[in-house]
Amino acid sequence: MHLLGASLLYLAGFIVTIAFNVPLNDALATVDPEPAPVLRCGTPISEAGRRGTM
């Protein structure tokens, strides 16, 4: 009886994995691996400003 319950739980976990994780992996496969360009905000920190804070 315990073997049947464990087998059903294992099968349920396998089905959940297929139903949810496989579509997520397929969506990740279509993502472009190149990073997006960085948008710069504010004013750049000068070299003197960096030395003064350390």
PDB file of N, CA and C in Angstrom:
ATOM      1  N   MET A   1       0.820  -1.199   0.000  1.00  0.00           N
ATOM      2  CA  MET A   1       0.000   0.000   0.000  1.00  0.00           C
ATOM      3  C   MET A   1       0.871   1.274   0.000  1.00  0.00           C
ATOM      4  N   HIS A   2       1.948   1.242   0.794  1.00  0.00           N
ATOM      5  CA  HIS A   2       2.839   2.401   0.840  1.00  0.00           C
ATOM      6  C   HIS A   2       3.567   2.588  -0.486  1.00  0.00           C
ATOM      7  N   LEU A   3       3.887   1.492  -1.115  1.00  0.00           N
ATOM      8  CA  LEU A   3       4.572   1.578  -2.400  1.00  0.00           C
ATOM      9  C   LEU A   3       3.672   2.232  -3.447  1.00  0.00           C
ATOM     10  N   LEU A   4       2.389   1.917  -3.417  1.00  0.00           N
ATOM     11  CA  LEU A   4       1.437   2.522  -4.359  1.00  0.00           C
ATOM     12  C   LEU A   4       1.316   4.024  -4.104  1.00  0.00           C
ATOM     13  N   GLY A   5       1.222   4.417  -2.843  1.00  0.00           N
ATOM     14  CA  GLY A   5       1.130   5.842  -2.503  1.00  0.00           C
ATOM     15  C   GLY A   5       2.377   6.603  -2.916  1.00  0.00           C
ATOM     16  N   ALA A   6       3.535   6.007  -2.657  1.00  0.00           N
ATOM     17  CA  ALA A   6       4.785   6.660  -3.042  1.00  0.00           C
ATOM     18  C   ALA A   6       4.898   6.771  -4.560  1.00  0.00           C
ATOM     19  N   SER A   7       4.465   5.757  -5.264  1.00  0.00           N
ATOM     20  CA  SER A   7       4.517   5.789  -6.726  1.00  0.00           C
ATOM     21  C   SER A   7       3.595   6.862  -7.290  1.00  0.00           C
ATOM     22  N   LEU A   8       2.416   6.998  -6.709  1.00  0.00           N
ATOM     23  CA  LEU A   8       1.480   8.031  -7.165  1.00  0.00           C
ATOM     24  C   LEU A   8       2.024   9.430  -6.873  1.00  0.00           C
ATOM     25  N   LEU A   9       2.660   9.602  -5.717  1.00  0.00           N
ATOM     26  CA  LEU A   9       3.262  10.903  -5.401  1.00  0.00           C
ATOM     27  C   LEU A   9       4.401  11.228  -6.366  1.00  0.00           C
ATOM     28  N   TYR A  10       5.209  10.250  -6.678  1.00  0.00           N
ATOM     29  CA  TYR A  10       6.305  10.436  -7.621  1.00  0.00           C
ATOM     30  C   TYR A  10       5.757  10.821  -8.990  1.00  0.00           C
ATOM     31  N   LEU A  11       4.727  10.142  -9.437  1.00  0.00           N
ATOM     32  CA  LEU A  11       4.119  10.432 -10.731  1.00  0.00           C
ATOM     33  C   LEU A  11       3.503  11.830 -10.751  1.00  0.00           C
ATOM     34  N   ALA A  12       2.861  12.216  -9.651  1.00  0.00           N
ATOM     35  CA  ALA A  12       2.275  13.555  -9.566  1.00  0.00           C
ATOM     36  C   ALA A  12       3.365  14.621  -9.654  1.00  0.00           C
ATOM     37  N   GLY A  13       4.485  14.402  -8.976  1.00  0.00           N
ATOM     38  CA  GLY A  13       5.590  15.361  -9.047  1.00  0.00           C
ATOM     39  C   GLY A  13       6.167  15.459 -10.439  1.00  0.00           C
ATOM     40  N   PHE A  14       6.259  14.342 -11.122  1.00  0.00           N
ATOM     41  CA  PHE A  14       6.768  14.337 -12.490  1.00  0.00           C
ATOM     42  C   PHE A  14       5.830  15.116 -13.420  1.00  0.00           C
ATOM     43  N   ILE A  15       4.536  14.937 -13.250  1.00  0.00           N
ATOM     44  CA  ILE A  15       3.553  15.644 -14.083  1.00  0.00           C
ATOM     45  C   ILE A  15       3.601  17.140 -13.813  1.00  0.00           C
ATOM     46  N   VAL A  16       3.748  17.520 -12.543  1.00  0.00           N
ATOM     47  CA  VAL A  16       3.853  18.947 -12.206  1.00  0.00           C
ATOM     48  C   VAL A  16       5.105  19.541 -12.847  1.00  0.00           C
ATOM     49  N   THR A  17       6.194  18.809 -12.820  1.00  0.00           N
ATOM     50  CA  THR A  17       7.433  19.286 -13.442  1.00  0.00           C
ATOM     51  C   THR A  17       7.237  19.516 -14.933  1.00  0.00           C
ATOM     52  N   ILE A  18       6.626  18.576 -15.598  1.00  0.00           N
ATOM     53  CA  ILE A  18       6.397  18.722 -17.035  1.00  0.00           C
ATOM     54  C   ILE A  18       5.436  19.881 -17.319  1.00  0.00           C
ATOM     55  N   ALA A  19       4.389  19.989 -16.526  1.00  0.00           N
ATOM     56  CA  ALA A  19       3.360  20.999 -16.792  1.00  0.00           C
ATOM     57  C   ALA A  19       3.848  22.424 -16.565  1.00  0.00           C
ATOM     58  N   PHE A  20       4.742  22.635 -15.595  1.00  0.00           N
ATOM     59  CA  PHE A  20       5.133  24.002 -15.250  1.00  0.00           C
ATOM     60  C   PHE A  20       6.560  24.361 -15.651  1.00  0.00           C
ATOM     61  N   ASN A  21       7.516  23.482 -15.428  1.00  0.00           N
ATOM     62  CA  ASN A  21       8.911  23.843 -15.665  1.00  0.00           C
ATOM     63  C   ASN A  21       9.317  23.771 -17.127  1.00  0.00           C
ATOM     64  N   VAL A  22       8.797  22.832 -17.866  1.00  0.00           N
ATOM     65  CA  VAL A  22       9.176  22.716 -19.273  1.00  0.00           C
ATOM     66  C   VAL A  22       8.749  23.957 -20.064  1.00  0.00           C
ATOM     67  N   PRO A  23       7.530  24.483 -19.906  1.00  0.00           N
ATOM     68  CA  PRO A  23       7.197  25.725 -20.617  1.00  0.00           C
ATOM     69  C   PRO A  23       8.072  26.912 -20.193  1.00  0.00           C
ATOM     70  N   LEU A  24       8.459  26.969 -18.918  1.00  0.00           N
ATOM     71  CA  LEU A  24       9.348  28.046 -18.490  1.00  0.00           C
ATOM     72  C   LEU A  24      10.716  27.917 -19.149  1.00  0.00           C
ATOM     73  N   ASN A  25      11.220  26.705 -19.249  1.00  0.00           N
ATOM     74  CA  ASN A  25      12.498  26.491 -19.918  1.00  0.00           C
ATOM     75  C   ASN A  25      12.412  26.838 -21.395  1.00  0.00           C
ATOM     76  N   ASP A  26      11.298  26.524 -22.027  1.00  0.00           N
ATOM     77  CA  ASP A  26      11.132  26.869 -23.438  1.00  0.00           C
ATOM     78  C   ASP A  26      11.102  28.381 -23.622  1.00  0.00           C
ATOM     79  N   ALA A  27      10.472  29.105 -22.681  1.00  0.00           N
ATOM     80  CA  ALA A  27      10.441  30.563 -22.761  1.00  0.00           C
ATOM     81  C   ALA A  27      11.838  31.142 -22.563  1.00  0.00           C
ATOM     82  N   LEU A  28      12.618  30.565 -21.660  1.00  0.00           N
ATOM     83  CA  LEU A  28      13.983  31.035 -21.447  1.00  0.00           C
ATOM     84  C   LEU A  28      14.870  30.764 -22.653  1.00  0.00           C
ATOM     85  N   ALA A  29      14.585  29.739 -23.390  1.00  0.00           N
ATOM     86  CA  ALA A  29      15.393  29.400 -24.560  1.00  0.00           C
ATOM     87  C   ALA A  29      15.275  30.456 -25.651  1.00  0.00           C
ATOM     88  N   THR A  30      14.191  31.218 -25.664  1.00  0.00           N
ATOM     89  CA  THR A  30      13.997  32.233 -26.694  1.00  0.00           C
ATOM     90  C   THR A  30      14.591  33.589 -26.318  1.00  0.00           C
ATOM     91  N   VAL A  31      15.078  33.746 -25.077  1.00  0.00           N
ATOM     92  CA  VAL A  31      15.617  35.029 -24.618  1.00  0.00           C
ATOM     93  C   VAL A  31      16.992  35.245 -25.233  1.00  0.00           C
ATOM     94  N   ASP A  32      17.242  36.473 -25.666  1.00  0.00           N
ATOM     95  CA  ASP A  32      18.539  36.833 -26.237  1.00  0.00           C
ATOM     96  C   ASP A  32      19.573  36.907 -25.118  1.00  0.00           C
ATOM     97  N   PRO A  33      20.660  36.165 -25.206  1.00  0.00           N
ATOM     98  CA  PRO A  33      21.640  36.161 -24.118  1.00  0.00           C
ATOM     99  C   PRO A  33      22.486  37.426 -24.024  1.00  0.00           C
ATOM    100  N   GLU A  34      22.447  38.271 -25.041  1.00  0.00           N
ATOM    101  CA  GLU A  34      23.209  39.515 -24.996  1.00  0.00           C
ATOM    102  C   GLU A  34      22.564  40.472 -23.998  1.00  0.00           C
ATOM    103  N   PRO A  35      23.356  41.145 -23.180  1.00  0.00           N
ATOM    104  CA  PRO A  35      22.782  42.076 -22.207  1.00  0.00           C
ATOM    105  C   PRO A  35      22.204  43.307 -22.900  1.00  0.00           C
ATOM    106  N   ALA A  36      21.202  43.864 -22.285  1.00  0.00           N
ATOM    107  CA  ALA A  36      20.578  45.081 -22.805  1.00  0.00           C
ATOM    108  C   ALA A  36      21.529  46.259 -22.574  1.00  0.00           C
ATOM    109  N   PRO A  37      21.440  47.296 -23.400  1.00  0.00           N
ATOM    110  CA  PRO A  37      22.305  48.460 -23.179  1.00  0.00           C
ATOM    111  C   PRO A  37      21.958  49.131 -21.848  1.00  0.00           C
ATOM    112  N   VAL A  38      22.969  49.646 -21.193  1.00  0.00           N
ATOM    113  CA  VAL A  38      22.794  50.282 -19.892  1.00  0.00           C
ATOM    114  C   VAL A  38      22.415  51.732 -20.105  1.00  0.00           C
ATOM    115  N   LEU A  39      21.382  52.163 -19.421  1.00  0.00           N
ATOM    116  CA  LEU A  39      20.988  53.564 -19.464  1.00  0.00           C
ATOM    117  C   LEU A  39      21.669  54.287 -18.311  1.00  0.00           C
ATOM    118  N   ARG A  40      22.295  55.383 -18.603  1.00  0.00           N
ATOM    119  CA  ARG A  40      22.993  56.138 -17.562  1.00  0.00           C
ATOM    120  C   ARG A  40      22.076  57.244 -17.049  1.00  0.00           C
ATOM    121  N   CYS A  41      22.018  57.374 -15.742  1.00  0.00           N
ATOM    122  CA  CYS A  41      21.178  58.390 -15.111  1.00  0.00           C
ATOM    123  C   CYS A  41      22.051  59.303 -14.263  1.00  0.00           C
ATOM    124  N   GLY A  42      21.681  60.541 -14.155  1.00  0.00           N
ATOM    125  CA  GLY A  42      22.408  61.467 -13.292  1.00  0.00           C
ATOM    126  C   GLY A  42      23.702  61.937 -13.914  1.00  0.00           C
ATOM    127  N   THR A  43      24.514  62.574 -13.097  1.00  0.00           N
ATOM    128  CA  THR A  43      25.781  63.095 -13.578  1.00  0.00           C
ATOM    129  C   THR A  43      26.891  62.093 -13.268  1.00  0.00           C
ATOM    130  N   PRO A  44      27.878  61.983 -14.139  1.00  0.00           N
ATOM    131  CA  PRO A  44      28.971  61.045 -13.869  1.00  0.00           C
ATOM    132  C   PRO A  44      29.831  61.531 -12.700  1.00  0.00           C
ATOM    133  N   ILE A  45      30.384  60.601 -11.984  1.00  0.00           N
ATOM    134  CA  ILE A  45      31.259  60.935 -10.849  1.00  0.00           C
ATOM    135  C   ILE A  45      32.660  61.146 -11.398  1.00  0.00           C
ATOM    136  N   SER A  46      33.234  62.245 -11.044  1.00  0.00           N
ATOM    137  CA  SER A  46      34.592  62.547 -11.525  1.00  0.00           C
ATOM    138  C   SER A  46      35.611  61.695 -10.785  1.00  0.00           C
ATOM    139  N   GLU A  47      36.793  61.636 -11.337  1.00  0.00           N
ATOM    140  CA  GLU A  47      37.868  60.866 -10.706  1.00  0.00           C
ATOM    141  C   GLU A  47      38.206  61.449  -9.343  1.00  0.00           C
ATOM    142  N   ALA A  48      38.197  62.764  -9.219  1.00  0.00           N
ATOM    143  CA  ALA A  48      38.490  63.402  -7.931  1.00  0.00           C
ATOM    144  C   ALA A  48      37.410  63.078  -6.907  1.00  0.00           C
ATOM    145  N   GLY A  49      36.187  62.981  -7.340  1.00  0.00           N
ATOM    146  CA  GLY A  49      35.097  62.647  -6.425  1.00  0.00           C
ATOM    147  C   GLY A  49      35.215  61.236  -5.895  1.00  0.00           C
ATOM    148  N   ARG A  50      35.666  60.335  -6.727  1.00  0.00           N
ATOM    149  CA  ARG A  50      35.841  58.951  -6.294  1.00  0.00           C
ATOM    150  C   ARG A  50      36.986  58.850  -5.278  1.00  0.00           C
ATOM    151  N   ARG A  51      38.067  59.575  -5.516  1.00  0.00           N
ATOM    152  CA  ARG A  51      39.193  59.498  -4.589  1.00  0.00           C
ATOM    153  C   ARG A  51      38.837  60.115  -3.239  1.00  0.00           C
ATOM    154  N   GLY A  52      37.992  61.119  -3.228  1.00  0.00           N
ATOM    155  CA  GLY A  52      37.633  61.798  -1.991  1.00  0.00           C
ATOM    156  C   GLY A  52      36.754  60.986  -1.066  1.00  0.00           C
ATOM    157  N   THR A  53      36.016  60.016  -1.609  1.00  0.00           N
ATOM    158  CA  THR A  53      35.096  59.263  -0.777  1.00  0.00           C
ATOM    159  C   THR A  53      35.706  57.989  -0.221  1.00  0.00           C
ATOM    160  N   MET A  54      36.863  57.579  -0.704  1.00  0.00           N
ATOM    161  CA  MET A  54      37.432  56.322  -0.224  1.00  0.00           C
ATOM    162  C   MET A  54      38.358  56.550   0.895  1.00  0.00           C
TER     163      MET A  54
END
